[in-house]
Structure formats: structure tokens, C-alpha cells
Amino acid sequence: MDSTICKICSKTLEENEHKIFISSDAFPSNHRLSAYCNKALHLDCIAKWPFRIEFSSASYDLRVEQYVSSGWHIIARQEDWFVGFIPPGPEMAPPEGMEDLVEVRVRDWPLVLYGHAEKWSEFLHRGWQDFDPPLRGKALIRAAKAVLEVQQVLPDTNTIVETINERLKRDKTENLAPAEEQGQL
């Protein structure tokens, strides 16, 4: 995988340029957009790319499927974004400092905004802008819109922590319930 060339414009990706690494296998290898999977792309190229929405939607849908199939938690969702939390599990303990990592994904841009549940209020205030280099242009506008919408549903640290804890408690209760209560008999 050559991550030094933008797959859209075929120009070199410089260290300080605005770029996003697209980590996704949303398309089969024979699909016309599969060549863009797992590649770094200039942010400005993505903004003008005629396949941005199609590509981003497929990556978004794949991530939603991954959450569902893995038993992870989508803790808030609208038509064009979701907020997800991957709970620690017996087979995968998160790295230290990542135990409360939350991601915000948007359907029409290949953006992932990461925050921590324990610092959610800070994330909503300005922490989501901690990209290096920072988001700009249409990507910044789209991210800001998503964060404002997310804030309406998960407005502060207490709300998101309580929501996550309720999900984890429900998981634990469901895992302890007899098989017949879980509909397995």
C-alpha cells in the first residue's frame, strides 16, 4: 500500500498537508472504488471527488455492520451520523487511555472524530477539532454540523457516561440471563 501518493490526484502527500487515511474494505476487489480503500487522500481532493458520498456511505455502512456483528454499541444515531463505543471485552482489552474512546462517524464524508466519554463536554466544545493538521473547508463545515447534531442528543459528559454505563449494565444482565430468557431455547 503506497500511502505517499493521493489516489485521487496522483500527487505526493506531503507531511504537513491536509489528508485523511481511508481505512476501509467497503468494496469487493473488482469494484471501481476498491482501489481507494486503505489509502491516504488529500482532504481537498475528497471535497471535490464525485465519488465521495458513495465511497463514504459504503464505509459508513460497513462500520455500522461491524458494530452490530461485534456487539459494540451505537449509543446515538441519526440518518447521516452515529456515535459508537467499543466496550472492552475478554478477547480485546483496549490500550491504556483508550478505555472510554468514542467515535463519531458521518455518512457523507470519510471522517471519524474521536473523543473520550469522560471528557465528552470538552470534545463537544472544541476537542473534536484536534486534527493534525486541522480540518478545513467543507470537511470542517460537515464535522461541525455533525457535532452540533450529536450535542443535541448527547449534550454533556454525564449523559454519555450514563448512556454507556446503561448499555454495559444491560449487556452484563443479558449475558447472565438463562438461555430461555434470551430466546435461545
Protein backbone atom coordinates (compact mmCIF):
# COMPACT_ATOMS: atom_id res chain seq x y z
CA MET A 1 0.00 0.00 0.00
CA ASP A 2 1.52 3.31 -1.10
CA SER A 3 0.40 5.94 1.37
CA THR A 4 2.65 8.69 -0.04
CA ILE A 5 0.55 9.28 -3.18
CA CYS A 6 -3.01 10.59 -3.21
CA LYS A 7 -5.06 8.03 -5.13
CA ILE A 8 -7.39 10.75 -6.46
CA CYS A 9 -4.89 13.27 -7.88
CA SER A 10 -1.76 11.05 -8.05
CA LYS A 11 0.33 13.75 -6.34
CA THR A 12 2.66 13.23 -3.40
CA LEU A 13 1.13 13.56 0.05
CA GLU A 14 3.41 15.89 1.99
CA GLU A 15 3.84 15.54 5.74
CA ASN A 16 2.07 18.82 6.60
CA GLU A 17 -0.76 18.54 4.05
CA HIS A 18 -4.39 18.07 4.93
CA LYS A 19 -5.14 14.40 4.29
CA ILE A 20 -7.22 11.54 5.59
CA PHE A 21 -6.27 7.89 5.60
CA ILE A 22 -9.26 5.87 4.46
CA SER A 23 -9.21 2.58 6.33
CA SER A 24 -11.98 0.51 4.84
CA ASP A 25 -12.63 -2.56 2.74
CA ALA A 26 -16.13 -1.49 1.85
CA PHE A 27 -15.93 -2.74 -1.72
CA PRO A 28 -15.10 -6.07 -3.32
CA SER A 29 -11.76 -6.12 -5.16
CA ASN A 30 -13.44 -5.90 -8.59
CA HIS A 31 -15.43 -2.76 -7.70
CA ARG A 32 -14.29 0.52 -9.31
CA LEU A 33 -13.88 2.17 -5.89
CA SER A 34 -11.91 -0.64 -4.23
CA ALA A 35 -8.64 0.97 -5.36
CA TYR A 36 -9.35 3.86 -2.95
CA CYS A 37 -9.74 1.62 0.10
CA ASN A 38 -6.93 1.75 2.65
CA LYS A 39 -5.35 4.78 1.00
CA ALA A 40 -4.45 8.28 2.10
CA LEU A 41 -6.19 11.06 0.18
CA HIS A 42 -5.86 14.85 0.17
CA LEU A 43 -8.75 16.45 2.02
CA ASP A 44 -9.19 18.96 -0.80
CA CYS A 45 -9.33 16.11 -3.34
CA ILE A 46 -12.01 14.33 -1.29
CA ALA A 47 -14.07 17.53 -1.16
CA LYS A 48 -14.22 17.68 -4.99
CA TRP A 49 -14.32 13.93 -5.61
CA PRO A 50 -17.54 12.90 -7.40
CA PHE A 51 -17.49 9.52 -5.58
CA ARG A 52 -17.07 10.94 -2.06
CA ILE A 53 -20.63 10.27 -0.94
CA GLU A 54 -20.83 6.80 -2.47
CA PHE A 55 -17.46 5.81 -1.04
CA SER A 56 -18.14 7.32 2.38
CA SER A 57 -21.62 5.77 2.61
CA ALA A 58 -20.26 2.31 1.89
CA SER A 59 -17.53 2.73 4.51
CA TYR A 60 -20.10 4.05 6.99
CA ASP A 61 -22.47 1.14 6.37
CA LEU A 62 -19.62 -1.33 6.77
CA ARG A 63 -18.73 0.21 10.14
CA VAL A 64 -22.37 0.03 11.28
CA GLU A 65 -22.42 -3.67 10.30
CA GLN A 66 -19.19 -4.17 12.24
CA TYR A 67 -20.77 -2.63 15.34
CA VAL A 68 -23.83 -4.84 15.07
CA SER A 69 -21.97 -8.09 14.36
CA SER A 70 -19.37 -7.45 17.09
CA GLY A 71 -21.84 -6.47 19.80
CA TRP A 72 -20.43 -2.97 20.04
CA HIS A 73 -22.63 -0.02 20.98
CA ILE A 74 -24.14 2.59 18.73
CA ILE A 75 -25.18 4.93 21.50
CA ALA A 76 -26.77 7.60 19.32
CA ARG A 77 -27.72 7.59 15.66
CA GLN A 78 -29.40 9.78 13.11
CA GLU A 79 -29.81 9.20 9.39
CA ASP A 80 -26.38 10.57 8.49
CA TRP A 81 -24.20 10.01 11.59
CA PHE A 82 -23.69 7.75 14.57
CA VAL A 83 -21.82 7.79 17.84
CA GLY A 84 -20.22 4.49 18.75
CA PHE A 85 -18.49 2.96 21.74
CA ILE A 86 -16.50 -0.27 21.62
CA PRO A 87 -16.73 -1.88 25.05
CA PRO A 88 -13.75 -3.70 26.48
CA GLY A 89 -14.13 -7.42 26.11
CA PRO A 90 -12.40 -10.58 27.25
CA GLU A 91 -10.71 -11.07 23.89
CA MET A 92 -9.71 -7.45 23.40
CA ALA A 93 -8.65 -5.16 26.20
CA PRO A 94 -8.26 -1.58 24.96
CA PRO A 95 -4.86 0.08 25.22
CA GLU A 96 -4.38 2.19 28.31
CA GLY A 97 -6.06 5.57 27.92
CA MET A 98 -8.47 4.23 25.28
CA GLU A 99 -10.97 2.52 27.60
CA ASP A 100 -13.60 5.19 27.04
CA LEU A 101 -12.91 6.03 23.40
CA VAL A 102 -15.97 7.14 21.46
CA GLU A 103 -16.19 7.72 17.72
CA VAL A 104 -18.47 9.96 15.69
CA ARG A 105 -18.90 8.84 12.08
CA VAL A 106 -20.68 10.70 9.30
CA ARG A 107 -22.23 9.04 6.28
CA ASP A 108 -21.28 11.51 3.53
CA TRP A 109 -17.64 12.20 4.49
CA PRO A 110 -14.90 9.72 5.39
CA LEU A 111 -14.47 11.44 8.74
CA VAL A 112 -14.04 9.81 12.12
CA LEU A 113 -13.97 12.14 15.10
CA TYR A 114 -12.58 10.51 18.25
CA GLY A 115 -13.27 11.61 21.79
CA HIS A 116 -13.29 10.21 25.29
CA ALA A 117 -16.53 9.70 27.21
CA GLU A 118 -15.00 11.09 30.41
CA LYS A 119 -14.08 14.28 28.52
CA TRP A 120 -17.15 14.45 26.29
CA SER A 121 -18.10 18.03 27.19
CA GLU A 122 -14.58 19.15 26.20
CA PHE A 123 -14.84 17.13 22.99
CA LEU A 124 -18.14 18.82 22.07
CA HIS A 125 -16.81 22.26 22.92
CA ARG A 126 -13.65 22.16 20.78
CA GLY A 127 -11.85 18.86 21.26
CA TRP A 128 -13.27 17.36 18.06
CA GLN A 129 -11.18 19.89 16.15
CA ASP A 130 -7.91 18.34 17.35
CA PHE A 131 -6.92 17.03 13.94
CA ASP A 132 -3.30 17.39 12.93
CA PRO A 133 -3.32 19.22 10.62
CA PRO A 134 -6.74 20.69 11.46
CA LEU A 135 -9.79 20.09 9.30
CA ARG A 136 -10.68 22.90 6.94
CA GLY A 137 -13.13 23.88 4.25
CA LYS A 138 -16.06 21.56 3.52
CA ALA A 139 -14.73 18.83 5.83
CA LEU A 140 -14.66 21.27 8.76
CA ILE A 141 -18.16 22.51 7.97
CA ARG A 142 -19.51 18.94 7.79
CA ALA A 143 -17.79 17.88 11.00
CA ALA A 144 -19.10 20.96 12.83
CA LYS A 145 -22.66 20.23 11.65
CA ALA A 146 -22.43 16.63 12.85
CA VAL A 147 -21.05 17.65 16.25
CA LEU A 148 -23.87 20.19 16.72
CA GLU A 149 -26.43 17.48 15.95
CA VAL A 150 -24.70 14.99 18.25
CA GLN A 151 -24.69 17.60 21.00
CA GLN A 152 -28.49 17.75 20.86
CA VAL A 153 -28.65 14.04 21.75
CA LEU A 154 -25.58 13.62 23.98
CA PRO A 155 -25.11 17.13 25.40
CA ASP A 156 -22.52 16.53 28.12
CA THR A 157 -20.16 14.13 29.86
CA ASN A 158 -22.78 12.90 32.35
CA THR A 159 -25.23 11.99 29.58
CA ILE A 160 -22.79 9.97 27.50
CA VAL A 161 -21.23 8.23 30.53
CA GLU A 162 -24.70 7.29 31.86
CA THR A 163 -25.73 6.04 28.40
CA ILE A 164 -22.62 3.89 28.08
CA ASN A 165 -22.96 2.53 31.61
CA GLU A 166 -26.62 1.61 30.98
CA ARG A 167 -25.58 -0.29 27.83
CA LEU A 168 -22.79 -2.12 29.64
CA LYS A 169 -25.13 -3.00 32.52
CA ARG A 170 -27.76 -4.27 30.08
CA ASP A 171 -25.10 -6.37 28.31
CA LYS A 172 -24.00 -7.88 31.59
CA THR A 173 -27.60 -8.66 32.59
CA GLU A 174 -28.37 -10.20 29.19
CA ASN A 175 -25.24 -12.34 29.35
CA LEU A 176 -26.23 -13.66 32.80
CA ALA A 177 -29.85 -14.38 31.85
CA PRO A 178 -30.85 -18.02 31.36
CA ALA A 179 -30.89 -19.22 27.76
CA GLU A 180 -34.69 -19.42 27.60
CA GLU A 181 -34.95 -15.72 28.53
CA GLN A 182 -32.61 -14.88 25.69
CA GLY A 183 -34.81 -16.78 23.24
CA GLN A 184 -32.20 -19.48 22.64
CA LEU A 185 -34.35 -22.46 23.69
